[in-house]
Amino acid sequence: LDAAQSAISSALALTSDDPYIYLLAGNIAITRKDYSTAITRLLEATRLDPSLVPAHYALRHAYSALGDSEKAQVEMQTIKRIADETHGTDVGRFAINDFLFAVRPPG
């Protein structure tokens, strides 16, 4: 866990616009039970990519751990809204279709 924290700290120093780095940083903070840092990181992830559902789930978890059921419920509503708007499709930049069509046979 300490190595993961060190690596994510280095990654955060290198970028300020990658929501996935902030998502990972938030998840590491949750694992460390540092919920205030987790919320800060995850809010930044959702600011950078409002449709990043895993960040909203992690926020819901952090708020629940702190006993803030109102904010946890807001995150659940946000997740449902995103699912309704996207019809359950993966709209993230790492969608599986991107990988499938990017793989080319050698030669």
PDB file of N, CA and C in Angstrom:
ATOM      1  N   LEU A   1       0.821  -1.198   0.000  1.00  0.00           N
ATOM      2  CA  LEU A   1       0.000   0.000   0.000  1.00  0.00           C
ATOM      3  C   LEU A   1       0.866   1.264   0.000  1.00  0.00           C
ATOM      4  N   ASP A   2       1.980   1.201   0.731  1.00  0.00           N
ATOM      5  CA  ASP A   2       2.890   2.351   0.743  1.00  0.00           C
ATOM      6  C   ASP A   2       3.502   2.573  -0.631  1.00  0.00           C
ATOM      7  N   ALA A   3       3.844   1.479  -1.318  1.00  0.00           N
ATOM      8  CA  ALA A   3       4.410   1.607  -2.666  1.00  0.00           C
ATOM      9  C   ALA A   3       3.379   2.187  -3.628  1.00  0.00           C
ATOM     10  N   ALA A   4       2.119   1.765  -3.501  1.00  0.00           N
ATOM     11  CA  ALA A   4       1.056   2.304  -4.345  1.00  0.00           C
ATOM     12  C   ALA A   4       0.871   3.786  -4.082  1.00  0.00           C
ATOM     13  N   GLN A   5       0.918   4.185  -2.807  1.00  0.00           N
ATOM     14  CA  GLN A   5       0.784   5.602  -2.463  1.00  0.00           C
ATOM     15  C   GLN A   5       1.931   6.410  -3.047  1.00  0.00           C
ATOM     16  N   SER A   6       3.126   5.877  -2.970  1.00  0.00           N
ATOM     17  CA  SER A   6       4.291   6.567  -3.526  1.00  0.00           C
ATOM     18  C   SER A   6       4.166   6.721  -5.044  1.00  0.00           C
ATOM     19  N   ALA A   7       3.747   5.651  -5.704  1.00  0.00           N
ATOM     20  CA  ALA A   7       3.601   5.692  -7.161  1.00  0.00           C
ATOM     21  C   ALA A   7       2.506   6.671  -7.579  1.00  0.00           C
ATOM     22  N   ILE A   8       1.390   6.683  -6.872  1.00  0.00           N
ATOM     23  CA  ILE A   8       0.306   7.582  -7.260  1.00  0.00           C
ATOM     24  C   ILE A   8       0.682   9.024  -6.957  1.00  0.00           C
ATOM     25  N   SER A   9       1.455   9.257  -5.920  1.00  0.00           N
ATOM     26  CA  SER A   9       1.926  10.615  -5.639  1.00  0.00           C
ATOM     27  C   SER A   9       2.806  11.121  -6.770  1.00  0.00           C
ATOM     28  N   SER A  10       3.650  10.240  -7.287  1.00  0.00           N
ATOM     29  CA  SER A  10       4.487  10.614  -8.438  1.00  0.00           C
ATOM     30  C   SER A  10       3.633  10.892  -9.666  1.00  0.00           C
ATOM     31  N   ALA A  11       2.635  10.056  -9.894  1.00  0.00           N
ATOM     32  CA  ALA A  11       1.752  10.245 -11.046  1.00  0.00           C
ATOM     33  C   ALA A  11       0.982  11.561 -10.939  1.00  0.00           C
ATOM     34  N   LEU A  12       0.509  11.889  -9.745  1.00  0.00           N
ATOM     35  CA  LEU A  12      -0.219  13.146  -9.549  1.00  0.00           C
ATOM     36  C   LEU A  12       0.676  14.346  -9.808  1.00  0.00           C
ATOM     37  N   ALA A  13       1.960  14.212  -9.501  1.00  0.00           N
ATOM     38  CA  ALA A  13       2.897  15.305  -9.748  1.00  0.00           C
ATOM     39  C   ALA A  13       3.132  15.519 -11.245  1.00  0.00           C
ATOM     40  N   LEU A  14       2.907  14.471 -12.032  1.00  0.00           N
ATOM     41  CA  LEU A  14       3.157  14.544 -13.472  1.00  0.00           C
ATOM     42  C   LEU A  14       1.960  15.017 -14.286  1.00  0.00           C
ATOM     43  N   THR A  15       0.755  14.907 -13.741  1.00  0.00           N
ATOM     44  CA  THR A  15      -0.430  15.268 -14.509  1.00  0.00           C
ATOM     45  C   THR A  15      -1.460  15.945 -13.628  1.00  0.00           C
ATOM     46  N   SER A  16      -2.220  16.808 -14.238  1.00  0.00           N
ATOM     47  CA  SER A  16      -3.305  17.442 -13.497  1.00  0.00           C
ATOM     48  C   SER A  16      -4.626  17.305 -14.238  1.00  0.00           C
ATOM     49  N   ASP A  17      -4.612  16.534 -15.334  1.00  0.00           N
ATOM     50  CA  ASP A  17      -5.835  16.456 -16.137  1.00  0.00           C
ATOM     51  C   ASP A  17      -6.252  15.038 -16.508  1.00  0.00           C
ATOM     52  N   ASP A  18      -5.777  14.051 -15.761  1.00  0.00           N
ATOM     53  CA  ASP A  18      -6.144  12.667 -16.032  1.00  0.00           C
ATOM     54  C   ASP A  18      -7.077  12.165 -14.934  1.00  0.00           C
ATOM     55  N   PRO A  19      -8.369  12.036 -15.237  1.00  0.00           N
ATOM     56  CA  PRO A  19      -9.311  11.623 -14.195  1.00  0.00           C
ATOM     57  C   PRO A  19      -9.030  10.229 -13.646  1.00  0.00           C
ATOM     58  N   TYR A  20      -8.416   9.367 -14.448  1.00  0.00           N
ATOM     59  CA  TYR A  20      -8.141   8.008 -13.997  1.00  0.00           C
ATOM     60  C   TYR A  20      -7.048   7.979 -12.920  1.00  0.00           C
ATOM     61  N   ILE A  21      -6.100   8.908 -13.008  1.00  0.00           N
ATOM     62  CA  ILE A  21      -5.075   9.017 -11.964  1.00  0.00           C
ATOM     63  C   ILE A  21      -5.731   9.442 -10.655  1.00  0.00           C
ATOM     64  N   TYR A  22      -6.644  10.409 -10.744  1.00  0.00           N
ATOM     65  CA  TYR A  22      -7.353  10.863  -9.536  1.00  0.00           C
ATOM     66  C   TYR A  22      -8.264   9.767  -8.983  1.00  0.00           C
ATOM     67  N   LEU A  23      -8.877   8.994  -9.860  1.00  0.00           N
ATOM     68  CA  LEU A  23      -9.701   7.865  -9.417  1.00  0.00           C
ATOM     69  C   LEU A  23      -8.844   6.862  -8.646  1.00  0.00           C
ATOM     70  N   LEU A  24      -7.700   6.513  -9.200  1.00  0.00           N
ATOM     71  CA  LEU A  24      -6.809   5.575  -8.527  1.00  0.00           C
ATOM     72  C   LEU A  24      -6.321   6.148  -7.199  1.00  0.00           C
ATOM     73  N   ALA A  25      -5.977   7.425  -7.196  1.00  0.00           N
ATOM     74  CA  ALA A  25      -5.527   8.073  -5.955  1.00  0.00           C
ATOM     75  C   ALA A  25      -6.636   8.035  -4.900  1.00  0.00           C
ATOM     76  N   GLY A  26      -7.855   8.267  -5.332  1.00  0.00           N
ATOM     77  CA  GLY A  26      -8.989   8.208  -4.410  1.00  0.00           C
ATOM     78  C   GLY A  26      -9.203   6.815  -3.858  1.00  0.00           C
ATOM     79  N   ASN A  27      -9.080   5.815  -4.717  1.00  0.00           N
ATOM     80  CA  ASN A  27      -9.248   4.432  -4.264  1.00  0.00           C
ATOM     81  C   ASN A  27      -8.152   4.012  -3.293  1.00  0.00           C
ATOM     82  N   ILE A  28      -6.939   4.469  -3.535  1.00  0.00           N
ATOM     83  CA  ILE A  28      -5.845   4.175  -2.607  1.00  0.00           C
ATOM     84  C   ILE A  28      -6.127   4.835  -1.263  1.00  0.00           C
ATOM     85  N   ALA A  29      -6.600   6.076  -1.285  1.00  0.00           N
ATOM     86  CA  ALA A  29      -6.922   6.773  -0.036  1.00  0.00           C
ATOM     87  C   ALA A  29      -8.052   6.057   0.716  1.00  0.00           C
ATOM     88  N   ILE A  30      -9.036   5.547  -0.013  1.00  0.00           N
ATOM     89  CA  ILE A  30     -10.110   4.786   0.634  1.00  0.00           C
ATOM     90  C   ILE A  30      -9.533   3.547   1.317  1.00  0.00           C
ATOM     91  N   THR A  31      -8.654   2.845   0.632  1.00  0.00           N
ATOM     92  CA  THR A  31      -8.035   1.650   1.208  1.00  0.00           C
ATOM     93  C   THR A  31      -7.267   1.997   2.479  1.00  0.00           C
ATOM     94  N   ARG A  32      -6.674   3.189   2.490  1.00  0.00           N
ATOM     95  CA  ARG A  32      -5.933   3.655   3.671  1.00  0.00           C
ATOM     96  C   ARG A  32      -6.868   4.244   4.738  1.00  0.00           C
ATOM     97  N   LYS A  33      -8.157   4.297   4.421  1.00  0.00           N
ATOM     98  CA  LYS A  33      -9.179   4.878   5.297  1.00  0.00           C
ATOM     99  C   LYS A  33      -8.972   6.375   5.518  1.00  0.00           C
ATOM    100  N   ASP A  34      -8.353   7.022   4.531  1.00  0.00           N
ATOM    101  CA  ASP A  34      -8.167   8.479   4.531  1.00  0.00           C
ATOM    102  C   ASP A  34      -9.270   9.061   3.651  1.00  0.00           C
ATOM    103  N   TYR A  35     -10.463   9.124   4.217  1.00  0.00           N
ATOM    104  CA  TYR A  35     -11.646   9.454   3.431  1.00  0.00           C
ATOM    105  C   TYR A  35     -11.679  10.904   2.958  1.00  0.00           C
ATOM    106  N   SER A  36     -11.129  11.828   3.730  1.00  0.00           N
ATOM    107  CA  SER A  36     -11.137  13.225   3.278  1.00  0.00           C
ATOM    108  C   SER A  36     -10.251  13.402   2.048  1.00  0.00           C
ATOM    109  N   THR A  37      -9.089  12.752   2.025  1.00  0.00           N
ATOM    110  CA  THR A  37      -8.235  12.806   0.833  1.00  0.00           C
ATOM    111  C   THR A  37      -8.914  12.086  -0.322  1.00  0.00           C
ATOM    112  N   ALA A  38      -9.538  10.964  -0.029  1.00  0.00           N
ATOM    113  CA  ALA A  38     -10.237  10.214  -1.079  1.00  0.00           C
ATOM    114  C   ALA A  38     -11.293  11.088  -1.733  1.00  0.00           C
ATOM    115  N   ILE A  39     -12.082  11.763  -0.934  1.00  0.00           N
ATOM    116  CA  ILE A  39     -13.145  12.611  -1.483  1.00  0.00           C
ATOM    117  C   ILE A  39     -12.557  13.729  -2.329  1.00  0.00           C
ATOM    118  N   THR A  40     -11.495  14.351  -1.868  1.00  0.00           N
ATOM    119  CA  THR A  40     -10.843  15.414  -2.649  1.00  0.00           C
ATOM    120  C   THR A  40     -10.388  14.895  -4.007  1.00  0.00           C
ATOM    121  N   ARG A  41      -9.732  13.751  -4.011  1.00  0.00           N
ATOM    122  CA  ARG A  41      -9.225  13.158  -5.263  1.00  0.00           C
ATOM    123  C   ARG A  41     -10.373  12.742  -6.187  1.00  0.00           C
ATOM    124  N   LEU A  42     -11.384  12.134  -5.613  1.00  0.00           N
ATOM    125  CA  LEU A  42     -12.500  11.641  -6.424  1.00  0.00           C
ATOM    126  C   LEU A  42     -13.353  12.783  -6.973  1.00  0.00           C
ATOM    127  N   LEU A  43     -13.497  13.842  -6.216  1.00  0.00           N
ATOM    128  CA  LEU A  43     -14.214  15.011  -6.740  1.00  0.00           C
ATOM    129  C   LEU A  43     -13.462  15.614  -7.923  1.00  0.00           C
ATOM    130  N   GLU A  44     -12.145  15.591  -7.857  1.00  0.00           N
ATOM    131  CA  GLU A  44     -11.357  16.085  -8.989  1.00  0.00           C
ATOM    132  C   GLU A  44     -11.542  15.171 -10.197  1.00  0.00           C
ATOM    133  N   ALA A  45     -11.578  13.868  -9.970  1.00  0.00           N
ATOM    134  CA  ALA A  45     -11.816  12.922 -11.071  1.00  0.00           C
ATOM    135  C   ALA A  45     -13.160  13.204 -11.727  1.00  0.00           C
ATOM    136  N   THR A  46     -14.192  13.437 -10.920  1.00  0.00           N
ATOM    137  CA  THR A  46     -15.524  13.689 -11.494  1.00  0.00           C
ATOM    138  C   THR A  46     -15.624  15.076 -12.115  1.00  0.00           C
ATOM    139  N   ARG A  47     -14.806  16.004 -11.654  1.00  0.00           N
ATOM    140  CA  ARG A  47     -14.772  17.315 -12.307  1.00  0.00           C
ATOM    141  C   ARG A  47     -14.171  17.179 -13.709  1.00  0.00           C
ATOM    142  N   LEU A  48     -13.114  16.386 -13.801  1.00  0.00           N
ATOM    143  CA  LEU A  48     -12.444  16.184 -15.085  1.00  0.00           C
ATOM    144  C   LEU A  48     -13.268  15.329 -16.043  1.00  0.00           C
ATOM    145  N   ASP A  49     -13.992  14.363 -15.503  1.00  0.00           N
ATOM    146  CA  ASP A  49     -14.837  13.489 -16.318  1.00  0.00           C
ATOM    147  C   ASP A  49     -16.117  13.182 -15.540  1.00  0.00           C
ATOM    148  N   PRO A  50     -17.131  14.021 -15.700  1.00  0.00           N
ATOM    149  CA  PRO A  50     -18.363  13.849 -14.924  1.00  0.00           C
ATOM    150  C   PRO A  50     -19.061  12.509 -15.127  1.00  0.00           C
ATOM    151  N   SER A  51     -18.774  11.805 -16.209  1.00  0.00           N
ATOM    152  CA  SER A  51     -19.437  10.528 -16.467  1.00  0.00           C
ATOM    153  C   SER A  51     -18.606   9.325 -16.011  1.00  0.00           C
ATOM    154  N   LEU A  52     -17.576   9.557 -15.235  1.00  0.00           N
ATOM    155  CA  LEU A  52     -16.697   8.481 -14.767  1.00  0.00           C
ATOM    156  C   LEU A  52     -17.368   7.749 -13.594  1.00  0.00           C
ATOM    157  N   VAL A  53     -18.183   6.776 -13.934  1.00  0.00           N
ATOM    158  CA  VAL A  53     -19.012   6.069 -12.957  1.00  0.00           C
ATOM    159  C   VAL A  53     -18.192   5.463 -11.814  1.00  0.00           C
ATOM    160  N   PRO A  54     -17.041   4.827 -12.064  1.00  0.00           N
ATOM    161  CA  PRO A  54     -16.292   4.272 -10.933  1.00  0.00           C
ATOM    162  C   PRO A  54     -15.911   5.324  -9.885  1.00  0.00           C
ATOM    163  N   ALA A  55     -15.683   6.547 -10.307  1.00  0.00           N
ATOM    164  CA  ALA A  55     -15.373   7.616  -9.345  1.00  0.00           C
ATOM    165  C   ALA A  55     -16.596   7.942  -8.497  1.00  0.00           C
ATOM    166  N   HIS A  56     -17.769   7.927  -9.108  1.00  0.00           N
ATOM    167  CA  HIS A  56     -18.994   8.183  -8.348  1.00  0.00           C
ATOM    168  C   HIS A  56     -19.265   7.054  -7.355  1.00  0.00           C
ATOM    169  N   TYR A  57     -19.003   5.808  -7.761  1.00  0.00           N
ATOM    170  CA  TYR A  57     -19.153   4.684  -6.832  1.00  0.00           C
ATOM    171  C   TYR A  57     -18.189   4.830  -5.650  1.00  0.00           C
ATOM    172  N   ALA A  58     -16.950   5.205  -5.950  1.00  0.00           N
ATOM    173  CA  ALA A  58     -15.962   5.368  -4.880  1.00  0.00           C
ATOM    174  C   ALA A  58     -16.343   6.526  -3.960  1.00  0.00           C
ATOM    175  N   LEU A  59     -16.853   7.609  -4.526  1.00  0.00           N
ATOM    176  CA  LEU A  59     -17.335   8.719  -3.699  1.00  0.00           C
ATOM    177  C   LEU A  59     -18.463   8.247  -2.783  1.00  0.00           C
ATOM    178  N   ARG A  60     -19.363   7.479  -3.350  1.00  0.00           N
ATOM    179  CA  ARG A  60     -20.477   6.941  -2.553  1.00  0.00           C
ATOM    180  C   ARG A  60     -19.938   6.136  -1.378  1.00  0.00           C
ATOM    181  N   HIS A  61     -18.935   5.323  -1.643  1.00  0.00           N
ATOM    182  CA  HIS A  61     -18.321   4.516  -0.592  1.00  0.00           C
ATOM    183  C   HIS A  61     -17.686   5.409   0.478  1.00  0.00           C
ATOM    184  N   ALA A  62     -16.937   6.416   0.066  1.00  0.00           N
ATOM    185  CA  ALA A  62     -16.267   7.309   1.016  1.00  0.00           C
ATOM    186  C   ALA A  62     -17.281   8.068   1.869  1.00  0.00           C
ATOM    187  N   TYR A  63     -18.316   8.595   1.229  1.00  0.00           N
ATOM    188  CA  TYR A  63     -19.345   9.308   1.982  1.00  0.00           C
ATOM    189  C   TYR A  63     -20.051   8.370   2.967  1.00  0.00           C
ATOM    190  N   SER A  64     -20.337   7.160   2.543  1.00  0.00           N
ATOM    191  CA  SER A  64     -20.977   6.189   3.432  1.00  0.00           C
ATOM    192  C   SER A  64     -20.087   5.872   4.626  1.00  0.00           C
ATOM    193  N   ALA A  65     -18.790   5.730   4.379  1.00  0.00           N
ATOM    194  CA  ALA A  65     -17.852   5.431   5.458  1.00  0.00           C
ATOM    195  C   ALA A  65     -17.811   6.560   6.487  1.00  0.00           C
ATOM    196  N   LEU A  66     -18.046   7.777   6.025  1.00  0.00           N
ATOM    197  CA  LEU A  66     -18.064   8.923   6.933  1.00  0.00           C
ATOM    198  C   LEU A  66     -19.438   9.158   7.548  1.00  0.00           C
ATOM    199  N   GLY A  67     -20.400   8.342   7.154  1.00  0.00           N
ATOM    200  CA  GLY A  67     -21.742   8.477   7.696  1.00  0.00           C
ATOM    201  C   GLY A  67     -22.579   9.555   7.044  1.00  0.00           C
ATOM    202  N   ASP A  68     -22.151  10.042   5.885  1.00  0.00           N
ATOM    203  CA  ASP A  68     -22.894  11.092   5.176  1.00  0.00           C
ATOM    204  C   ASP A  68     -23.814  10.437   4.140  1.00  0.00           C
ATOM    205  N   SER A  69     -24.945   9.937   4.621  1.00  0.00           N
ATOM    206  CA  SER A  69     -25.851   9.188   3.746  1.00  0.00           C
ATOM    207  C   SER A  69     -26.493  10.074   2.677  1.00  0.00           C
ATOM    208  N   GLU A  70     -26.646  11.370   2.972  1.00  0.00           N
ATOM    209  CA  GLU A  70     -27.225  12.275   1.974  1.00  0.00           C
ATOM    210  C   GLU A  70     -26.337  12.375   0.738  1.00  0.00           C
ATOM    211  N   LYS A  71     -25.045  12.618   0.950  1.00  0.00           N
ATOM    212  CA  LYS A  71     -24.116  12.724  -0.185  1.00  0.00           C
ATOM    213  C   LYS A  71     -23.944  11.379  -0.878  1.00  0.00           C
ATOM    214  N   ALA A  72     -23.971  10.302  -0.119  1.00  0.00           N
ATOM    215  CA  ALA A  72     -23.886   8.968  -0.718  1.00  0.00           C
ATOM    216  C   ALA A  72     -25.084   8.738  -1.630  1.00  0.00           C
ATOM    217  N   GLN A  73     -26.252   9.167  -1.206  1.00  0.00           N
ATOM    218  CA  GLN A  73     -27.464   9.009  -2.022  1.00  0.00           C
ATOM    219  C   GLN A  73     -27.390   9.863  -3.285  1.00  0.00           C
ATOM    220  N   VAL A  74     -26.846  11.063  -3.174  1.00  0.00           N
ATOM    221  CA  VAL A  74     -26.683  11.927  -4.354  1.00  0.00           C
ATOM    222  C   VAL A  74     -25.785  11.235  -5.380  1.00  0.00           C
ATOM    223  N   GLU A  75     -24.717  10.597  -4.913  1.00  0.00           N
ATOM    224  CA  GLU A  75     -23.828   9.886  -5.835  1.00  0.00           C
ATOM    225  C   GLU A  75     -24.560   8.729  -6.509  1.00  0.00           C
ATOM    226  N   MET A  76     -25.400   8.010  -5.769  1.00  0.00           N
ATOM    227  CA  MET A  76     -26.163   6.910  -6.362  1.00  0.00           C
ATOM    228  C   MET A  76     -27.116   7.446  -7.423  1.00  0.00           C
ATOM    229  N   GLN A  77     -27.746   8.570  -7.168  1.00  0.00           N
ATOM    230  CA  GLN A  77     -28.627   9.188  -8.157  1.00  0.00           C
ATOM    231  C   GLN A  77     -27.838   9.617  -9.394  1.00  0.00           C
ATOM    232  N   THR A  78     -26.640  10.118  -9.181  1.00  0.00           N
ATOM    233  CA  THR A  78     -25.779  10.514 -10.305  1.00  0.00           C
ATOM    234  C   THR A  78     -25.421   9.299 -11.150  1.00  0.00           C
ATOM    235  N   ILE A  79     -25.093   8.190 -10.505  1.00  0.00           N
ATOM    236  CA  ILE A  79     -24.759   6.953 -11.217  1.00  0.00           C
ATOM    237  C   ILE A  79     -25.949   6.497 -12.061  1.00  0.00           C
ATOM    238  N   LYS A  80     -27.134   6.530 -11.485  1.00  0.00           N
ATOM    239  CA  LYS A  80     -28.339   6.125 -12.219  1.00  0.00           C
ATOM    240  C   LYS A  80     -28.608   7.061 -13.394  1.00  0.00           C
ATOM    241  N   ARG A  81     -28.404   8.364 -13.190  1.00  0.00           N
ATOM    242  CA  ARG A  81     -28.606   9.334 -14.274  1.00  0.00           C
ATOM    243  C   ARG A  81     -27.637   9.070 -15.425  1.00  0.00           C
ATOM    244  N   ILE A  82     -26.384   8.834 -15.094  1.00  0.00           N
ATOM    245  CA  ILE A  82     -25.388   8.554 -16.132  1.00  0.00           C
ATOM    246  C   ILE A  82     -25.766   7.282 -16.884  1.00  0.00           C
ATOM    247  N   ALA A  83     -26.183   6.255 -16.166  1.00  0.00           N
ATOM    248  CA  ALA A  83     -26.592   4.993 -16.805  1.00  0.00           C
ATOM    249  C   ALA A  83     -27.778   5.224 -17.739  1.00  0.00           C
ATOM    250  N   ASP A  84     -28.734   6.032 -17.301  1.00  0.00           N
ATOM    251  CA  ASP A  84     -29.892   6.337 -18.150  1.00  0.00           C
ATOM    252  C   ASP A  84     -29.476   7.105 -19.404  1.00  0.00           C
ATOM    253  N   GLU A  85     -28.580   8.072 -19.226  1.00  0.00           N
ATOM    254  CA  GLU A  85     -28.150   8.901 -20.361  1.00  0.00           C
ATOM    255  C   GLU A  85     -27.320   8.121 -21.369  1.00  0.00           C
ATOM    256  N   THR A  86     -26.550   7.172 -20.888  1.00  0.00           N
ATOM    257  CA  THR A  86     -25.652   6.422 -21.779  1.00  0.00           C
ATOM    258  C   THR A  86     -26.225   5.065 -22.161  1.00  0.00           C
ATOM    259  N   HIS A  87     -27.410   4.761 -21.653  1.00  0.00           N
ATOM    260  CA  HIS A  87     -28.065   3.473 -21.913  1.00  0.00           C
ATOM    261  C   HIS A  87     -27.170   2.309 -21.517  1.00  0.00           C
ATOM    262  N   GLY A  88     -26.367   2.532 -20.464  1.00  0.00           N
ATOM    263  CA  GLY A  88     -25.521   1.470 -19.941  1.00  0.00           C
ATOM    264  C   GLY A  88     -24.280   1.190 -20.763  1.00  0.00           C
ATOM    265  N   THR A  89     -23.996   2.015 -21.761  1.00  0.00           N
ATOM    266  CA  THR A  89     -22.794   1.787 -22.556  1.00  0.00           C
ATOM    267  C   THR A  89     -21.595   2.418 -21.881  1.00  0.00           C
ATOM    268  N   ASP A  90     -20.419   1.950 -22.222  1.00  0.00           N
ATOM    269  CA  ASP A  90     -19.184   2.497 -21.678  1.00  0.00           C
ATOM    270  C   ASP A  90     -18.784   3.687 -22.535  1.00  0.00           C
ATOM    271  N   VAL A  91     -18.909   4.880 -21.968  1.00  0.00           N
ATOM    272  CA  VAL A  91     -18.559   6.079 -22.725  1.00  0.00           C
ATOM    273  C   VAL A  91     -17.177   6.586 -22.357  1.00  0.00           C
ATOM    274  N   GLY A  92     -16.474   5.833 -21.513  1.00  0.00           N
ATOM    275  CA  GLY A  92     -15.140   6.248 -21.102  1.00  0.00           C
ATOM    276  C   GLY A  92     -14.151   6.150 -22.237  1.00  0.00           C
ATOM    277  N   ARG A  93     -13.024   6.781 -22.052  1.00  0.00           N
ATOM    278  CA  ARG A  93     -12.039   6.774 -23.135  1.00  0.00           C
ATOM    279  C   ARG A  93     -11.307   5.450 -23.252  1.00  0.00           C
ATOM    280  N   PHE A  94     -11.561   4.522 -22.333  1.00  0.00           N
ATOM    281  CA  PHE A  94     -10.951   3.205 -22.417  1.00  0.00           C
ATOM    282  C   PHE A  94     -11.997   2.136 -22.694  1.00  0.00           C
ATOM    283  N   ALA A  95     -12.939   2.465 -23.527  1.00  0.00           N
ATOM    284  CA  ALA A  95     -13.989   1.506 -23.877  1.00  0.00           C
ATOM    285  C   ALA A  95     -13.372   0.292 -24.573  1.00  0.00           C
ATOM    286  N   ILE A  96     -13.986  -0.858 -24.406  1.00  0.00           N
ATOM    287  CA  ILE A  96     -13.461  -2.103 -24.962  1.00  0.00           C
ATOM    288  C   ILE A  96     -13.346  -2.043 -26.484  1.00  0.00           C
ATOM    289  N   ASN A  97     -14.254  -1.350 -27.140  1.00  0.00           N
ATOM    290  CA  ASN A  97     -14.171  -1.250 -28.599  1.00  0.00           C
ATOM    291  C   ASN A  97     -12.888  -0.573 -29.043  1.00  0.00           C
ATOM    292  N   ASP A  98     -12.413   0.395 -28.291  1.00  0.00           N
ATOM    293  CA  ASP A  98     -11.160   1.061 -28.632  1.00  0.00           C
ATOM    294  C   ASP A  98     -10.015   0.060 -28.643  1.00  0.00           C
ATOM    295  N   PHE A  99     -10.011  -0.845 -27.668  1.00  0.00           N
ATOM    296  CA  PHE A  99      -8.957  -1.848 -27.603  1.00  0.00           C
ATOM    297  C   PHE A  99      -9.097  -2.880 -28.719  1.00  0.00           C
ATOM    298  N   LEU A 100     -10.307  -3.321 -28.986  1.00  0.00           N
ATOM    299  CA  LEU A 100     -10.516  -4.352 -29.994  1.00  0.00           C
ATOM    300  C   LEU A 100     -10.047  -3.900 -31.369  1.00  0.00           C
ATOM    301  N   PHE A 101     -10.337  -2.675 -31.713  1.00  0.00           N
ATOM    302  CA  PHE A 101      -9.980  -2.199 -33.041  1.00  0.00           C
ATOM    303  C   PHE A 101      -8.563  -1.643 -33.118  1.00  0.00           C
ATOM    304  N   ALA A 102      -7.914  -1.482 -31.984  1.00  0.00           N
ATOM    305  CA  ALA A 102      -6.549  -0.995 -31.981  1.00  0.00           C
ATOM    306  C   ALA A 102      -5.542  -2.130 -32.129  1.00  0.00           C
ATOM    307  N   VAL A 103      -5.953  -3.349 -31.867  1.00  0.00           N
ATOM    308  CA  VAL A 103      -5.053  -4.499 -31.946  1.00  0.00           C
ATOM    309  C   VAL A 103      -4.943  -4.940 -33.393  1.00  0.00           C
ATOM    310  N   ARG A 104      -3.729  -5.008 -33.862  1.00  0.00           N
ATOM    311  CA  ARG A 104      -3.472  -5.411 -35.244  1.00  0.00           C
ATOM    312  C   ARG A 104      -2.518  -6.613 -35.251  1.00  0.00           C
ATOM    313  N   PRO A 105      -2.726  -7.534 -36.171  1.00  0.00           N
ATOM    314  CA  PRO A 105      -1.791  -8.663 -36.240  1.00  0.00           C
ATOM    315  C   PRO A 105      -0.415  -8.174 -36.713  1.00  0.00           C
ATOM    316  N   PRO A 106       0.646  -8.886 -36.326  1.00  0.00           N
ATOM    317  CA  PRO A 106       1.983  -8.486 -36.753  1.00  0.00           C
ATOM    318  C   PRO A 106       2.131  -8.580 -38.288  1.00  0.00           C
ATOM    319  N   GLY A 107       2.968  -7.713 -38.786  1.00  0.00           N
ATOM    320  CA  GLY A 107       3.287  -7.768 -40.218  1.00  0.00           C
ATOM    321  C   GLY A 107       2.404  -6.948 -41.003  1.00  0.00           C
TER     322      GLY A 107
END
